[in-house]
Amino acid sequence: MKTMQAAVARRRFGKLIDDVAAAPVRIQRHGRDVAVMMSTEQFERCLKWMTKQDLVVRYHDESMERYGALYERLGGN
Protein backbone atom coordinates (compact mmCIF):
# COMPACT_ATOMS: atom_id res chain seq x y z
CA MET A 1 0.00 0.00 0.00
CA LYS A 2 1.28 3.43 -0.90
CA THR A 3 2.00 5.78 2.01
CA MET A 4 1.77 9.57 2.05
CA GLN A 5 2.59 12.04 4.80
CA ALA A 6 -0.38 14.14 5.98
CA ALA A 7 1.32 17.41 5.06
CA VAL A 8 1.98 16.14 1.53
CA ALA A 9 -1.60 14.85 1.28
CA ARG A 10 -2.90 18.34 2.14
CA ARG A 11 -0.65 20.04 -0.43
CA ARG A 12 -1.27 17.46 -3.15
CA PHE A 13 -4.89 16.54 -2.50
CA GLY A 14 -5.67 16.20 -6.21
CA LYS A 15 -2.87 13.65 -6.62
CA LEU A 16 -4.09 11.81 -3.52
CA ILE A 17 -7.57 11.52 -5.05
CA ASP A 18 -6.04 10.22 -8.29
CA ASP A 19 -3.93 7.71 -6.37
CA VAL A 20 -6.83 6.31 -4.34
CA ALA A 21 -8.75 5.64 -7.54
CA ALA A 22 -6.20 2.88 -8.16
CA ALA A 23 -5.54 1.64 -4.62
CA PRO A 24 -5.94 2.71 -0.97
CA VAL A 25 -3.32 5.12 0.40
CA ARG A 26 -2.07 5.11 4.00
CA ILE A 27 -1.76 8.58 5.55
CA GLN A 28 0.92 9.16 8.19
CA ARG A 29 1.58 12.02 10.57
CA HIS A 30 4.99 12.17 12.28
CA GLY A 31 5.69 8.63 11.08
CA ARG A 32 2.52 7.15 12.60
CA ASP A 33 -0.40 5.74 10.62
CA VAL A 34 -3.44 7.97 11.14
CA ALA A 35 -5.79 7.15 8.26
CA VAL A 36 -6.37 5.23 5.07
CA MET A 37 -8.02 6.89 2.11
CA MET A 38 -9.75 4.74 -0.50
CA SER A 39 -12.13 5.03 -3.41
CA THR A 40 -15.87 4.99 -2.86
CA GLU A 41 -16.08 1.65 -4.66
CA GLN A 42 -13.47 0.08 -2.36
CA PHE A 43 -15.24 1.53 0.68
CA GLU A 44 -18.58 0.05 -0.44
CA ARG A 45 -16.94 -3.37 -0.90
CA CYS A 46 -15.48 -3.14 2.61
CA LEU A 47 -18.86 -2.21 4.10
CA LYS A 48 -20.54 -5.11 2.32
CA TRP A 49 -17.86 -7.54 3.54
CA MET A 50 -18.11 -6.23 7.12
CA THR A 51 -21.88 -6.55 7.04
CA LYS A 52 -21.59 -10.18 5.89
CA GLN A 53 -19.01 -10.92 8.59
CA ASP A 54 -21.28 -9.37 11.24
CA LEU A 55 -24.13 -11.60 10.10
CA VAL A 56 -21.95 -14.71 10.23
CA VAL A 57 -20.89 -13.88 13.80
CA ARG A 58 -24.45 -13.13 14.85
CA TYR A 59 -25.82 -16.35 13.37
CA HIS A 60 -23.00 -18.35 14.94
CA ASP A 61 -23.66 -16.82 18.37
CA GLU A 62 -27.41 -17.44 18.08
CA SER A 63 -26.80 -21.01 16.97
CA MET A 64 -24.41 -21.68 19.85
CA GLU A 65 -26.90 -20.22 22.32
CA ARG A 66 -29.73 -22.31 20.98
CA TYR A 67 -27.95 -25.57 20.07
CA GLY A 68 -24.68 -25.42 22.03
CA ALA A 69 -25.55 -28.36 24.27
CA LEU A 70 -26.42 -30.48 21.24
CA TYR A 71 -23.15 -29.53 19.54
CA GLU A 72 -21.26 -30.57 22.66
CA ARG A 73 -23.01 -33.96 22.75
CA LEU A 74 -22.43 -34.56 19.05
CA GLY A 75 -18.76 -33.60 19.34
CA GLY A 76 -18.10 -35.81 22.40
CA ASN A 77 -16.72 -39.34 22.19
PDB file of N, CA and C in Angstrom:
ATOM      1  N   MET A   1       0.851  -1.174   0.000  1.00  0.00           N
ATOM      2  CA  MET A   1       0.000   0.000   0.000  1.00  0.00           C
ATOM      3  C   MET A   1       0.895   1.234   0.000  1.00  0.00           C
ATOM      4  N   LYS A   2       0.533   2.168  -0.827  1.00  0.00           N
ATOM      5  CA  LYS A   2       1.277   3.430  -0.897  1.00  0.00           C
ATOM      6  C   LYS A   2       1.050   4.228   0.386  1.00  0.00           C
ATOM      7  N   THR A   3       2.075   4.954   0.811  1.00  0.00           N
ATOM      8  CA  THR A   3       2.005   5.779   2.011  1.00  0.00           C
ATOM      9  C   THR A   3       2.300   7.223   1.656  1.00  0.00           C
ATOM     10  N   MET A   4       1.561   8.150   2.290  1.00  0.00           N
ATOM     11  CA  MET A   4       1.767   9.575   2.054  1.00  0.00           C
ATOM     12  C   MET A   4       1.724  10.297   3.395  1.00  0.00           C
ATOM     13  N   GLN A   5       2.609  11.236   3.588  1.00  0.00           N
ATOM     14  CA  GLN A   5       2.594  12.042   4.800  1.00  0.00           C
ATOM     15  C   GLN A   5       1.397  12.997   4.756  1.00  0.00           C
ATOM     16  N   ALA A   6       0.822  13.289   5.916  1.00  0.00           N
ATOM     17  CA  ALA A   6      -0.377  14.136   5.983  1.00  0.00           C
ATOM     18  C   ALA A   6      -0.129  15.511   5.363  1.00  0.00           C
ATOM     19  N   ALA A   7       1.028  16.086   5.617  1.00  0.00           N
ATOM     20  CA  ALA A   7       1.325  17.413   5.060  1.00  0.00           C
ATOM     21  C   ALA A   7       1.360  17.360   3.534  1.00  0.00           C
ATOM     22  N   VAL A   8       1.920  16.308   2.994  1.00  0.00           N
ATOM     23  CA  VAL A   8       1.977  16.142   1.534  1.00  0.00           C
ATOM     24  C   VAL A   8       0.571  15.913   0.996  1.00  0.00           C
ATOM     25  N   ALA A   9      -0.225  15.117   1.712  1.00  0.00           N
ATOM     26  CA  ALA A   9      -1.602  14.853   1.277  1.00  0.00           C
ATOM     27  C   ALA A   9      -2.402  16.149   1.201  1.00  0.00           C
ATOM     28  N   ARG A  10      -2.194  17.045   2.160  1.00  0.00           N
ATOM     29  CA  ARG A  10      -2.897  18.342   2.135  1.00  0.00           C
ATOM     30  C   ARG A  10      -2.466  19.162   0.917  1.00  0.00           C
ATOM     31  N   ARG A  11      -1.159  19.223   0.683  1.00  0.00           N
ATOM     32  CA  ARG A  11      -0.645  20.039  -0.432  1.00  0.00           C
ATOM     33  C   ARG A  11      -1.001  19.457  -1.786  1.00  0.00           C
ATOM     34  N   ARG A  12      -1.069  18.127  -1.858  1.00  0.00           N
ATOM     35  CA  ARG A  12      -1.274  17.462  -3.147  1.00  0.00           C
ATOM     36  C   ARG A  12      -2.558  16.643  -3.142  1.00  0.00           C
ATOM     37  N   PHE A  13      -3.623  17.243  -2.661  1.00  0.00           N
ATOM     38  CA  PHE A  13      -4.888  16.536  -2.497  1.00  0.00           C
ATOM     39  C   PHE A  13      -5.393  15.962  -3.822  1.00  0.00           C
ATOM     40  N   GLY A  14      -5.243  16.699  -4.895  1.00  0.00           N
ATOM     41  CA  GLY A  14      -5.667  16.205  -6.213  1.00  0.00           C
ATOM     42  C   GLY A  14      -4.946  14.926  -6.584  1.00  0.00           C
ATOM     43  N   LYS A  15      -3.644  14.870  -6.336  1.00  0.00           N
ATOM     44  CA  LYS A  15      -2.869  13.648  -6.619  1.00  0.00           C
ATOM     45  C   LYS A  15      -3.328  12.514  -5.720  1.00  0.00           C
ATOM     46  N   LEU A  16      -3.604  12.830  -4.449  1.00  0.00           N
ATOM     47  CA  LEU A  16      -4.088  11.807  -3.524  1.00  0.00           C
ATOM     48  C   LEU A  16      -5.381  11.194  -4.051  1.00  0.00           C
ATOM     49  N   ILE A  17      -6.298  12.023  -4.505  1.00  0.00           N
ATOM     50  CA  ILE A  17      -7.566  11.518  -5.050  1.00  0.00           C
ATOM     51  C   ILE A  17      -7.305  10.633  -6.270  1.00  0.00           C
ATOM     52  N   ASP A  18      -6.388  11.046  -7.128  1.00  0.00           N
ATOM     53  CA  ASP A  18      -6.045  10.220  -8.286  1.00  0.00           C
ATOM     54  C   ASP A  18      -5.455   8.886  -7.846  1.00  0.00           C
ATOM     55  N   ASP A  19      -4.583   8.933  -6.844  1.00  0.00           N
ATOM     56  CA  ASP A  19      -3.931   7.705  -6.367  1.00  0.00           C
ATOM     57  C   ASP A  19      -4.934   6.723  -5.771  1.00  0.00           C
ATOM     58  N   VAL A  20      -5.895   7.225  -4.984  1.00  0.00           N
ATOM     59  CA  VAL A  20      -6.834   6.306  -4.338  1.00  0.00           C
ATOM     60  C   VAL A  20      -7.817   5.692  -5.331  1.00  0.00           C
ATOM     61  N   ALA A  21      -7.917   6.263  -6.510  1.00  0.00           N
ATOM     62  CA  ALA A  21      -8.753   5.644  -7.539  1.00  0.00           C
ATOM     63  C   ALA A  21      -8.175   4.287  -7.927  1.00  0.00           C
ATOM     64  N   ALA A  22      -6.858   4.130  -7.809  1.00  0.00           N
ATOM     65  CA  ALA A  22      -6.198   2.880  -8.162  1.00  0.00           C
ATOM     66  C   ALA A  22      -6.065   1.935  -6.972  1.00  0.00           C
ATOM     67  N   ALA A  23      -5.758   2.481  -5.799  1.00  0.00           N
ATOM     68  CA  ALA A  23      -5.538   1.639  -4.615  1.00  0.00           C
ATOM     69  C   ALA A  23      -5.581   2.515  -3.366  1.00  0.00           C
ATOM     70  N   PRO A  24      -5.929   1.933  -2.214  1.00  0.00           N
ATOM     71  CA  PRO A  24      -5.936   2.709  -0.972  1.00  0.00           C
ATOM     72  C   PRO A  24      -4.560   3.304  -0.669  1.00  0.00           C
ATOM     73  N   VAL A  25      -4.568   4.435   0.028  1.00  0.00           N
ATOM     74  CA  VAL A  25      -3.322   5.120   0.404  1.00  0.00           C
ATOM     75  C   VAL A  25      -3.332   5.317   1.919  1.00  0.00           C
ATOM     76  N   ARG A  26      -2.238   4.919   2.560  1.00  0.00           N
ATOM     77  CA  ARG A  26      -2.065   5.105   3.999  1.00  0.00           C
ATOM     78  C   ARG A  26      -1.558   6.517   4.250  1.00  0.00           C
ATOM     79  N   ILE A  27      -2.171   7.223   5.201  1.00  0.00           N
ATOM     80  CA  ILE A  27      -1.755   8.581   5.547  1.00  0.00           C
ATOM     81  C   ILE A  27      -1.038   8.519   6.896  1.00  0.00           C
ATOM     82  N   GLN A  28       0.143   9.131   6.954  1.00  0.00           N
ATOM     83  CA  GLN A  28       0.919   9.157   8.192  1.00  0.00           C
ATOM     84  C   GLN A  28       1.151  10.582   8.650  1.00  0.00           C
ATOM     85  N   ARG A  29       1.229  10.740   9.962  1.00  0.00           N
ATOM     86  CA  ARG A  29       1.584  12.017  10.573  1.00  0.00           C
ATOM     87  C   ARG A  29       2.693  11.714  11.569  1.00  0.00           C
ATOM     88  N   HIS A  30       3.821  12.385  11.420  1.00  0.00           N
ATOM     89  CA  HIS A  30       4.987  12.172  12.283  1.00  0.00           C
ATOM     90  C   HIS A  30       5.372  10.696  12.337  1.00  0.00           C
ATOM     91  N   GLY A  31       5.282  10.022  11.177  1.00  0.00           N
ATOM     92  CA  GLY A  31       5.693   8.629  11.078  1.00  0.00           C
ATOM     93  C   GLY A  31       4.695   7.615  11.606  1.00  0.00           C
ATOM     94  N   ARG A  32       3.533   8.061  12.074  1.00  0.00           N
ATOM     95  CA  ARG A  32       2.519   7.146  12.599  1.00  0.00           C
ATOM     96  C   ARG A  32       1.323   7.095  11.662  1.00  0.00           C
ATOM     97  N   ASP A  33       0.787   5.897  11.447  1.00  0.00           N
ATOM     98  CA  ASP A  33      -0.404   5.741  10.624  1.00  0.00           C
ATOM     99  C   ASP A  33      -1.588   6.414  11.302  1.00  0.00           C
ATOM    100  N   VAL A  34      -2.282   7.279  10.567  1.00  0.00           N
ATOM    101  CA  VAL A  34      -3.442   7.973  11.138  1.00  0.00           C
ATOM    102  C   VAL A  34      -4.723   7.750  10.334  1.00  0.00           C
ATOM    103  N   ALA A  35      -4.590   7.329   9.085  1.00  0.00           N
ATOM    104  CA  ALA A  35      -5.786   7.147   8.258  1.00  0.00           C
ATOM    105  C   ALA A  35      -5.442   6.333   7.021  1.00  0.00           C
ATOM    106  N   VAL A  36      -6.490   5.850   6.388  1.00  0.00           N
ATOM    107  CA  VAL A  36      -6.369   5.230   5.070  1.00  0.00           C
ATOM    108  C   VAL A  36      -7.447   5.862   4.207  1.00  0.00           C
ATOM    109  N   MET A  37      -7.054   6.307   3.041  1.00  0.00           N
ATOM    110  CA  MET A  37      -8.021   6.888   2.107  1.00  0.00           C
ATOM    111  C   MET A  37      -8.196   5.902   0.962  1.00  0.00           C
ATOM    112  N   MET A  38      -9.465   5.687   0.575  1.00  0.00           N
ATOM    113  CA  MET A  38      -9.751   4.741  -0.498  1.00  0.00           C
ATOM    114  C   MET A  38     -10.892   5.260  -1.360  1.00  0.00           C
ATOM    115  N   SER A  39     -11.052   4.636  -2.503  1.00  0.00           N
ATOM    116  CA  SER A  39     -12.133   5.029  -3.410  1.00  0.00           C
ATOM    117  C   SER A  39     -13.485   4.662  -2.808  1.00  0.00           C
ATOM    118  N   THR A  40     -14.514   5.291  -3.302  1.00  0.00           N
ATOM    119  CA  THR A  40     -15.870   4.986  -2.858  1.00  0.00           C
ATOM    120  C   THR A  40     -16.204   3.525  -3.154  1.00  0.00           C
ATOM    121  N   GLU A  41     -15.789   3.041  -4.302  1.00  0.00           N
ATOM    122  CA  GLU A  41     -16.076   1.651  -4.662  1.00  0.00           C
ATOM    123  C   GLU A  41     -15.429   0.686  -3.676  1.00  0.00           C
ATOM    124  N   GLN A  42     -14.160   0.932  -3.321  1.00  0.00           N
ATOM    125  CA  GLN A  42     -13.467   0.078  -2.357  1.00  0.00           C
ATOM    126  C   GLN A  42     -14.157   0.154  -0.999  1.00  0.00           C
ATOM    127  N   PHE A  43     -14.551   1.346  -0.596  1.00  0.00           N
ATOM    128  CA  PHE A  43     -15.237   1.532   0.677  1.00  0.00           C
ATOM    129  C   PHE A  43     -16.544   0.740   0.714  1.00  0.00           C
ATOM    130  N   GLU A  44     -17.316   0.794  -0.364  1.00  0.00           N
ATOM    131  CA  GLU A  44     -18.582   0.052  -0.437  1.00  0.00           C
ATOM    132  C   GLU A  44     -18.331  -1.449  -0.338  1.00  0.00           C
ATOM    133  N   ARG A  45     -17.276  -1.949  -1.000  1.00  0.00           N
ATOM    134  CA  ARG A  45     -16.936  -3.372  -0.897  1.00  0.00           C
ATOM    135  C   ARG A  45     -16.582  -3.740   0.541  1.00  0.00           C
ATOM    136  N   CYS A  46     -15.845  -2.887   1.211  1.00  0.00           N
ATOM    137  CA  CYS A  46     -15.476  -3.141   2.610  1.00  0.00           C
ATOM    138  C   CYS A  46     -16.713  -3.174   3.496  1.00  0.00           C
ATOM    139  N   LEU A  47     -17.624  -2.224   3.300  1.00  0.00           N
ATOM    140  CA  LEU A  47     -18.858  -2.210   4.097  1.00  0.00           C
ATOM    141  C   LEU A  47     -19.669  -3.479   3.873  1.00  0.00           C
ATOM    142  N   LYS A  48     -19.781  -3.901   2.631  1.00  0.00           N
ATOM    143  CA  LYS A  48     -20.542  -5.109   2.322  1.00  0.00           C
ATOM    144  C   LYS A  48     -19.894  -6.318   2.994  1.00  0.00           C
ATOM    145  N   TRP A  49     -18.570  -6.416   2.919  1.00  0.00           N
ATOM    146  CA  TRP A  49     -17.862  -7.537   3.540  1.00  0.00           C
ATOM    147  C   TRP A  49     -18.060  -7.509   5.051  1.00  0.00           C
ATOM    148  N   MET A  50     -17.940  -6.332   5.666  1.00  0.00           N
ATOM    149  CA  MET A  50     -18.106  -6.225   7.117  1.00  0.00           C
ATOM    150  C   MET A  50     -19.527  -6.613   7.522  1.00  0.00           C
ATOM    151  N   THR A  51     -20.498  -6.213   6.744  1.00  0.00           N
ATOM    152  CA  THR A  51     -21.879  -6.554   7.044  1.00  0.00           C
ATOM    153  C   THR A  51     -22.069  -8.063   6.997  1.00  0.00           C
ATOM    154  N   LYS A  52     -21.493  -8.719   5.996  1.00  0.00           N
ATOM    155  CA  LYS A  52     -21.590 -10.175   5.894  1.00  0.00           C
ATOM    156  C   LYS A  52     -20.900 -10.844   7.075  1.00  0.00           C
ATOM    157  N   GLN A  53     -19.736 -10.350   7.453  1.00  0.00           N
ATOM    158  CA  GLN A  53     -19.015 -10.919   8.593  1.00  0.00           C
ATOM    159  C   GLN A  53     -19.826 -10.758   9.874  1.00  0.00           C
ATOM    160  N   ASP A  54     -20.449  -9.594  10.058  1.00  0.00           N
ATOM    161  CA  ASP A  54     -21.281  -9.369  11.240  1.00  0.00           C
ATOM    162  C   ASP A  54     -22.441 -10.366  11.291  1.00  0.00           C
ATOM    163  N   LEU A  55     -23.036 -10.639  10.140  1.00  0.00           N
ATOM    164  CA  LEU A  55     -24.134 -11.605  10.096  1.00  0.00           C
ATOM    165  C   LEU A  55     -23.650 -13.009  10.452  1.00  0.00           C
ATOM    166  N   VAL A  56     -22.498 -13.386   9.927  1.00  0.00           N
ATOM    167  CA  VAL A  56     -21.954 -14.707  10.232  1.00  0.00           C
ATOM    168  C   VAL A  56     -21.730 -14.847  11.738  1.00  0.00           C
ATOM    169  N   VAL A  57     -21.135 -13.834  12.352  1.00  0.00           N
ATOM    170  CA  VAL A  57     -20.886 -13.877  13.796  1.00  0.00           C
ATOM    171  C   VAL A  57     -22.207 -13.940  14.560  1.00  0.00           C
ATOM    172  N   ARG A  58     -23.160 -13.135  14.164  1.00  0.00           N
ATOM    173  CA  ARG A  58     -24.454 -13.128  14.852  1.00  0.00           C
ATOM    174  C   ARG A  58     -25.146 -14.479  14.757  1.00  0.00           C
ATOM    175  N   TYR A  59     -25.175 -15.053  13.542  1.00  0.00           N
ATOM    176  CA  TYR A  59     -25.821 -16.349  13.366  1.00  0.00           C
ATOM    177  C   TYR A  59     -25.088 -17.440  14.134  1.00  0.00           C
ATOM    178  N   HIS A  60     -23.779 -17.376  14.168  1.00  0.00           N
ATOM    179  CA  HIS A  60     -23.001 -18.351  14.942  1.00  0.00           C
ATOM    180  C   HIS A  60     -23.353 -18.237  16.424  1.00  0.00           C
ATOM    181  N   ASP A  61     -23.355 -17.029  16.951  1.00  0.00           N
ATOM    182  CA  ASP A  61     -23.663 -16.821  18.366  1.00  0.00           C
ATOM    183  C   ASP A  61     -25.075 -17.312  18.703  1.00  0.00           C
ATOM    184  N   GLU A  62     -26.038 -16.996  17.840  1.00  0.00           N
ATOM    185  CA  GLU A  62     -27.410 -17.444  18.080  1.00  0.00           C
ATOM    186  C   GLU A  62     -27.501 -18.971  18.030  1.00  0.00           C
ATOM    187  N   SER A  63     -26.794 -19.553  17.090  1.00  0.00           N
ATOM    188  CA  SER A  63     -26.799 -21.006  16.966  1.00  0.00           C
ATOM    189  C   SER A  63     -26.181 -21.669  18.196  1.00  0.00           C
ATOM    190  N   MET A  64     -25.060 -21.117  18.666  1.00  0.00           N
ATOM    191  CA  MET A  64     -24.408 -21.678  19.852  1.00  0.00           C
ATOM    192  C   MET A  64     -25.313 -21.544  21.081  1.00  0.00           C
ATOM    193  N   GLU A  65     -26.004 -20.425  21.181  1.00  0.00           N
ATOM    194  CA  GLU A  65     -26.902 -20.223  22.315  1.00  0.00           C
ATOM    195  C   GLU A  65     -28.054 -21.228  22.277  1.00  0.00           C
ATOM    196  N   ARG A  66     -28.565 -21.448  21.107  1.00  0.00           N
ATOM    197  CA  ARG A  66     -29.731 -22.314  20.976  1.00  0.00           C
ATOM    198  C   ARG A  66     -29.372 -23.797  20.972  1.00  0.00           C
ATOM    199  N   TYR A  67     -28.276 -24.154  20.272  1.00  0.00           N
ATOM    200  CA  TYR A  67     -27.946 -25.566  20.074  1.00  0.00           C
ATOM    201  C   TYR A  67     -26.604 -25.984  20.670  1.00  0.00           C
ATOM    202  N   GLY A  68     -26.004 -25.129  21.486  1.00  0.00           N
ATOM    203  CA  GLY A  68     -24.678 -25.416  22.034  1.00  0.00           C
ATOM    204  C   GLY A  68     -24.582 -26.749  22.739  1.00  0.00           C
ATOM    205  N   ALA A  69     -25.576 -27.084  23.554  1.00  0.00           N
ATOM    206  CA  ALA A  69     -25.548 -28.360  24.270  1.00  0.00           C
ATOM    207  C   ALA A  69     -25.572 -29.532  23.293  1.00  0.00           C
ATOM    208  N   LEU A  70     -26.362 -29.425  22.257  1.00  0.00           N
ATOM    209  CA  LEU A  70     -26.419 -30.477  21.242  1.00  0.00           C
ATOM    210  C   LEU A  70     -25.068 -30.613  20.538  1.00  0.00           C
ATOM    211  N   TYR A  71     -24.464 -29.486  20.186  1.00  0.00           N
ATOM    212  CA  TYR A  71     -23.152 -29.526  19.539  1.00  0.00           C
ATOM    213  C   TYR A  71     -22.132 -30.230  20.422  1.00  0.00           C
ATOM    214  N   GLU A  72     -22.189 -29.941  21.722  1.00  0.00           N
ATOM    215  CA  GLU A  72     -21.256 -30.570  22.665  1.00  0.00           C
ATOM    216  C   GLU A  72     -21.465 -32.088  22.681  1.00  0.00           C
ATOM    217  N   ARG A  73     -22.727 -32.523  22.732  1.00  0.00           N
ATOM    218  CA  ARG A  73     -23.012 -33.959  22.755  1.00  0.00           C
ATOM    219  C   ARG A  73     -22.575 -34.629  21.451  1.00  0.00           C
ATOM    220  N   LEU A  74     -22.822 -33.983  20.330  1.00  0.00           N
ATOM    221  CA  LEU A  74     -22.431 -34.558  19.047  1.00  0.00           C
ATOM    222  C   LEU A  74     -20.906 -34.617  18.889  1.00  0.00           C
ATOM    223  N   GLY A  75     -20.228 -33.648  19.463  1.00  0.00           N
ATOM    224  CA  GLY A  75     -18.764 -33.604  19.337  1.00  0.00           C
ATOM    225  C   GLY A  75     -18.045 -34.509  20.314  1.00  0.00           C
ATOM    226  N   GLY A  76     -18.710 -34.961  21.369  1.00  0.00           N
ATOM    227  CA  GLY A  76     -18.096 -35.806  22.397  1.00  0.00           C
ATOM    228  C   GLY A  76     -17.881 -37.223  21.895  1.00  0.00           C
ATOM    229  N   ASN A  77     -16.982 -37.949  22.584  1.00  0.00           N
ATOM    230  CA  ASN A  77     -16.717 -39.344  22.192  1.00  0.00           C
ATOM    231  C   ASN A  77     -17.514 -40.298  23.030  1.00  0.00           C
TER     232      ASN A  77
END
